[in-house]
Amino acid sequence: MTKQPKFLEIADALREAIRLGEYEPGDRLPGENPLAVRYGVAAMTARQALNELKKDGTVESRRGAGFFVLPPFTPIRRRGIARVARDLWSAGKSIFSADDSRPLTTDNHVLGAVTPSAEIAEVLQLGAGERAFARSRRHVVEGRPVLLSTSYLPDELVAGTAITHTDTGPGGTFARLAELDAEPTRCREELRVRKPSPDECASLNIAADTPVIEICRTAFTADGRAVEVNEMTLDSRAYILEYEFDL
């Protein structure tokens, strides 16, 4: 049997110490230098062990302060079909409420009218010089950033409406689109797994080798018009993706 690398042995030992209560949520773990002395390894090896714990969500790093034990986190079960059902948002509920019952904190940033990428402009069927309205969000659950998203809609459709407000109101964007006679009746989601960008690492507080799930959701009206493109980046440790449908 091949012996595992030393940094993984150290990570396993620290996990066991956390499981046994030697380190509790909020406690600071020993730094890389004390760990290097304790296990007789280089400081870089000790740092690899700490980053391994960060990668699996056991700890978080705080700039200039070290690594701290996180409380156990139950993954969010993202119900890909149920969450966009009309009977949810038409009743004034948020899409996230289909995923999880825990309180959600959302950092909203209205970006306003922007020039979208060529790909998004093509999906939204924007003509030359036409702009998209954009907003970005960061979702935080139990103090943990779990999702980043940026949504794009045709600016000529939503300009001056509640969709451009920081709070779009009960039922969110889909409910407001329905009020504009642009009700979404079909969605398409495209998924891929990739490494995060440096900005995503900072915003989600994840290590550079923690995979993220990228989901691009496009919402269409009954006549096939795309009225929203939502690009989402999920911390893969925080989510289970669930799709349930009839055959």
Protein backbone atom coordinates (compact mmCIF):
# COMPACT_ATOMS: atom_id res chain seq x y z
CA MET A 1 0.00 0.00 0.00
CA THR A 2 1.42 3.37 -1.04
CA LYS A 3 2.05 5.69 1.87
CA GLN A 4 0.19 8.98 1.54
CA PRO A 5 2.11 12.26 1.43
CA LYS A 6 3.11 13.78 4.75
CA PHE A 7 0.85 16.82 4.36
CA LEU A 8 -2.18 14.54 4.04
CA GLU A 9 -1.13 12.67 7.20
CA ILE A 10 -0.95 15.99 9.06
CA ALA A 11 -4.32 17.07 7.67
CA ASP A 12 -5.86 13.78 8.83
CA ALA A 13 -4.36 14.22 12.30
CA LEU A 14 -5.80 17.73 12.56
CA ARG A 15 -9.22 16.54 11.39
CA GLU A 16 -9.17 13.86 14.08
CA ALA A 17 -8.19 16.42 16.70
CA ILE A 18 -11.13 18.58 15.60
CA ARG A 19 -13.47 15.58 15.69
CA LEU A 20 -12.36 14.79 19.24
CA GLY A 21 -12.99 18.36 20.35
CA GLU A 22 -9.37 19.41 20.86
CA TYR A 23 -10.16 22.31 18.54
CA GLU A 24 -13.71 23.67 18.50
CA PRO A 25 -15.48 25.92 15.99
CA GLY A 26 -13.86 29.34 16.10
CA ASP A 27 -10.56 28.06 17.49
CA ARG A 28 -7.34 28.97 15.75
CA LEU A 29 -5.23 26.03 14.60
CA PRO A 30 -1.47 26.02 15.18
CA GLY A 31 0.35 27.90 12.44
CA GLU A 32 2.60 26.37 9.84
CA ASN A 33 5.80 26.90 11.86
CA PRO A 34 4.58 25.19 15.07
CA LEU A 35 3.12 22.36 12.97
CA ALA A 36 6.40 22.01 11.06
CA VAL A 37 8.27 21.61 14.35
CA ARG A 38 5.66 19.19 15.77
CA TYR A 39 5.72 16.87 12.75
CA GLY A 40 9.33 17.37 11.68
CA VAL A 41 8.50 18.75 8.23
CA ALA A 42 9.13 21.88 6.22
CA ALA A 43 6.86 24.87 6.82
CA MET A 44 5.60 24.53 3.24
CA THR A 45 4.43 20.97 3.98
CA ALA A 46 2.56 22.19 7.06
CA ARG A 47 0.93 24.93 4.99
CA GLN A 48 -0.18 22.32 2.44
CA ALA A 49 -1.90 20.44 5.27
CA LEU A 50 -3.72 23.57 6.43
CA ASN A 51 -4.79 24.35 2.88
CA GLU A 52 -6.09 20.79 2.53
CA LEU A 53 -8.42 21.49 5.47
CA LYS A 54 -9.49 24.75 3.89
CA LYS A 55 -10.18 22.97 0.61
CA ASP A 56 -12.66 20.57 2.21
CA GLY A 57 -14.37 23.24 4.30
CA THR A 58 -13.00 22.22 7.71
CA VAL A 59 -11.31 25.59 8.31
CA GLU A 60 -11.21 29.09 6.92
CA SER A 61 -8.20 31.36 6.57
CA ARG A 62 -8.16 34.95 7.75
CA ARG A 63 -5.58 37.24 6.25
CA GLY A 64 -2.74 37.79 8.70
CA ALA A 65 -4.47 35.80 11.46
CA GLY A 66 -4.24 32.13 10.50
CA PHE A 67 -6.62 29.19 10.06
CA PHE A 68 -9.79 28.85 12.14
CA VAL A 69 -12.10 25.87 12.62
CA LEU A 70 -15.48 26.24 10.94
CA PRO A 71 -18.74 24.90 12.37
CA PRO A 72 -20.07 21.79 10.59
CA PHE A 73 -22.01 22.86 7.49
CA THR A 74 -24.93 20.93 6.04
CA PRO A 75 -24.76 21.24 2.24
CA ILE A 76 -27.50 23.21 0.49
CA ARG A 77 -29.64 20.95 -1.65
CA ARG A 78 -30.16 23.02 -4.80
CA ARG A 79 -33.38 21.77 -6.38
CA GLY A 80 -32.74 22.78 -9.97
CA ILE A 81 -36.30 22.35 -11.24
CA ALA A 82 -38.49 23.05 -8.21
CA ARG A 83 -36.68 26.33 -7.47
CA VAL A 84 -37.88 28.03 -10.67
CA ALA A 85 -41.45 26.69 -10.60
CA ARG A 86 -44.11 29.32 -11.23
CA ASP A 87 -46.12 28.44 -8.12
CA LEU A 88 -43.09 29.44 -6.02
CA TRP A 89 -42.23 32.91 -7.30
CA SER A 90 -45.82 33.80 -8.22
CA ALA A 91 -46.65 33.34 -4.52
CA GLY A 92 -44.00 35.91 -3.62
CA LYS A 93 -41.42 33.40 -2.39
CA SER A 94 -37.74 33.54 -3.19
CA ILE A 95 -36.16 30.96 -5.45
CA PHE A 96 -33.69 30.09 -2.67
CA SER A 97 -36.53 29.04 -0.36
CA ALA A 98 -36.92 25.88 -2.48
CA ASP A 99 -33.30 24.97 -1.73
CA ASP A 100 -32.91 25.59 1.99
CA SER A 101 -34.81 26.84 5.03
CA ARG A 102 -31.85 28.54 6.69
CA PRO A 103 -31.69 32.36 6.73
CA LEU A 104 -29.99 33.77 3.66
CA THR A 105 -27.99 36.99 3.59
CA THR A 106 -27.56 38.50 0.14
CA ASP A 107 -25.11 41.22 -0.86
CA ASN A 108 -26.79 42.98 -3.80
CA HIS A 109 -24.92 45.23 -6.21
CA VAL A 110 -26.84 46.94 -9.01
CA LEU A 111 -24.40 47.33 -11.89
CA GLY A 112 -26.88 49.15 -14.13
CA ALA A 113 -26.75 49.25 -17.93
CA VAL A 114 -23.63 47.51 -19.20
CA THR A 115 -22.17 46.29 -22.46
CA PRO A 116 -22.44 42.50 -22.14
CA SER A 117 -20.16 39.90 -23.63
CA ALA A 118 -20.83 38.91 -27.23
CA GLU A 119 -22.20 35.56 -26.04
CA ILE A 120 -24.74 37.11 -23.68
CA ALA A 121 -25.72 39.74 -26.24
CA GLU A 122 -26.41 36.97 -28.74
CA VAL A 123 -28.54 34.96 -26.28
CA LEU A 124 -30.55 38.04 -25.30
CA GLN A 125 -30.85 38.98 -28.99
CA LEU A 126 -29.45 42.47 -28.41
CA GLY A 127 -28.72 44.59 -31.43
CA ALA A 128 -25.55 46.57 -32.04
CA GLY A 129 -25.12 49.13 -29.26
CA GLU A 130 -27.96 47.75 -27.15
CA ARG A 131 -27.18 47.32 -23.49
CA ALA A 132 -28.06 44.82 -20.79
CA PHE A 133 -29.09 45.61 -17.25
CA ALA A 134 -26.89 43.72 -14.79
CA ARG A 135 -26.81 43.01 -11.08
CA SER A 136 -24.49 40.87 -8.98
CA ARG A 137 -25.17 39.02 -5.75
CA ARG A 138 -23.27 37.08 -3.12
CA HIS A 139 -25.24 34.60 -1.02
CA VAL A 140 -24.13 33.90 2.56
CA VAL A 141 -25.53 31.08 4.71
CA GLU A 142 -24.55 30.66 8.37
CA GLY A 143 -21.83 33.26 7.84
CA ARG A 144 -20.36 31.32 4.94
CA PRO A 145 -20.26 32.69 1.35
CA VAL A 146 -21.70 29.96 -0.87
CA LEU A 147 -22.67 31.51 -4.22
CA LEU A 148 -21.84 34.39 -6.53
CA SER A 149 -24.15 35.39 -9.36
CA THR A 150 -24.49 38.01 -12.05
CA SER A 151 -27.73 38.33 -13.99
CA TYR A 152 -28.28 40.12 -17.30
CA LEU A 153 -31.59 41.27 -18.80
CA PRO A 154 -32.40 43.42 -21.84
CA ASP A 155 -32.10 47.00 -20.58
CA GLU A 156 -34.86 48.25 -22.87
CA LEU A 157 -37.23 45.74 -21.25
CA VAL A 158 -36.50 46.46 -17.59
CA ALA A 159 -35.30 50.09 -17.47
CA GLY A 160 -37.24 52.08 -14.89
CA THR A 161 -38.93 49.02 -13.36
CA ALA A 162 -38.58 47.38 -9.96
CA ILE A 163 -36.13 44.91 -11.50
CA THR A 164 -33.52 47.65 -11.44
CA HIS A 165 -33.97 48.25 -7.70
CA THR A 166 -31.71 46.72 -5.09
CA ASP A 167 -34.73 44.81 -3.75
CA THR A 168 -36.85 43.53 -6.62
CA GLY A 169 -39.77 42.71 -4.31
CA PRO A 170 -41.77 39.54 -3.53
CA GLY A 171 -41.09 36.72 -5.96
CA GLY A 172 -37.98 38.45 -7.29
CA THR A 173 -37.05 39.03 -10.92
CA PHE A 174 -39.31 36.33 -12.38
CA ALA A 175 -42.40 37.84 -10.73
CA ARG A 176 -41.49 41.29 -12.02
CA LEU A 177 -40.91 39.94 -15.54
CA ALA A 178 -44.39 38.40 -15.45
CA GLU A 179 -45.78 41.86 -14.65
CA LEU A 180 -44.05 43.13 -17.81
CA ASP A 181 -45.74 40.46 -19.96
CA ALA A 182 -42.38 38.71 -20.23
CA GLU A 183 -43.09 35.79 -17.92
CA PRO A 184 -40.44 33.05 -17.95
CA THR A 185 -42.00 29.71 -18.87
CA ARG A 186 -38.87 27.68 -19.61
CA CYS A 187 -35.31 27.62 -18.30
CA ARG A 188 -32.09 26.08 -19.58
CA GLU A 189 -29.13 25.43 -17.30
CA GLU A 190 -25.60 24.64 -18.41
CA LEU A 191 -23.15 23.33 -15.81
CA ARG A 192 -19.43 22.83 -15.63
CA VAL A 193 -16.84 22.37 -12.90
CA ARG A 194 -13.65 24.42 -12.96
CA LYS A 195 -10.99 26.07 -10.82
CA PRO A 196 -11.93 29.44 -9.30
CA SER A 197 -10.45 32.76 -10.33
CA PRO A 198 -8.47 34.76 -7.72
CA ASP A 199 -11.45 37.10 -7.25
CA GLU A 200 -13.77 34.13 -6.71
CA CYS A 201 -11.35 32.67 -4.16
CA ALA A 202 -11.47 35.94 -2.23
CA SER A 203 -15.25 36.37 -2.47
CA LEU A 204 -16.04 32.76 -1.49
CA ASN A 205 -13.07 32.43 0.89
CA ILE A 206 -11.89 29.22 -0.76
CA ALA A 207 -8.50 27.82 -1.68
CA ALA A 208 -7.28 28.09 -5.26
CA ASP A 209 -7.63 24.34 -5.78
CA THR A 210 -11.20 24.12 -4.46
CA PRO A 211 -13.47 23.35 -7.44
CA VAL A 212 -16.40 25.63 -8.15
CA ILE A 213 -19.58 24.78 -10.05
CA GLU A 214 -20.46 27.24 -12.78
CA ILE A 215 -24.14 27.31 -13.75
CA CYS A 216 -25.49 29.48 -16.54
CA ARG A 217 -29.29 29.70 -16.45
CA THR A 218 -31.23 31.25 -19.31
CA ALA A 219 -34.93 32.07 -18.84
CA PHE A 220 -37.26 32.10 -21.87
CA THR A 221 -40.77 33.38 -22.45
CA ALA A 222 -43.47 31.23 -24.07
CA ASP A 223 -42.56 32.59 -27.51
CA GLY A 224 -38.90 31.63 -27.03
CA ARG A 225 -37.44 35.03 -26.16
CA ALA A 226 -34.54 34.94 -23.71
CA VAL A 227 -35.23 37.51 -20.98
CA GLU A 228 -32.54 36.71 -18.42
CA VAL A 229 -29.10 35.12 -18.35
CA ASN A 230 -27.84 34.35 -14.86
CA GLU A 231 -24.22 33.27 -14.42
CA MET A 232 -23.68 31.58 -11.04
CA THR A 233 -20.55 30.34 -9.28
CA LEU A 234 -21.09 27.88 -6.43
CA ASP A 235 -18.67 26.67 -3.79
CA SER A 236 -18.75 22.96 -4.62
CA ARG A 237 -18.33 22.01 -0.95
CA ALA A 238 -21.53 23.84 -0.01
CA TYR A 239 -23.97 22.34 -2.53
CA ILE A 240 -25.71 19.18 -3.62
CA LEU A 241 -27.36 19.61 -7.03
CA GLU A 242 -30.71 17.83 -7.24
CA TYR A 243 -32.79 17.38 -10.41
CA GLU A 244 -36.08 15.52 -10.14
CA PHE A 245 -38.36 15.09 -13.16
CA ASP A 246 -41.02 12.82 -14.58
CA LEU A 247 -40.17 10.31 -17.31
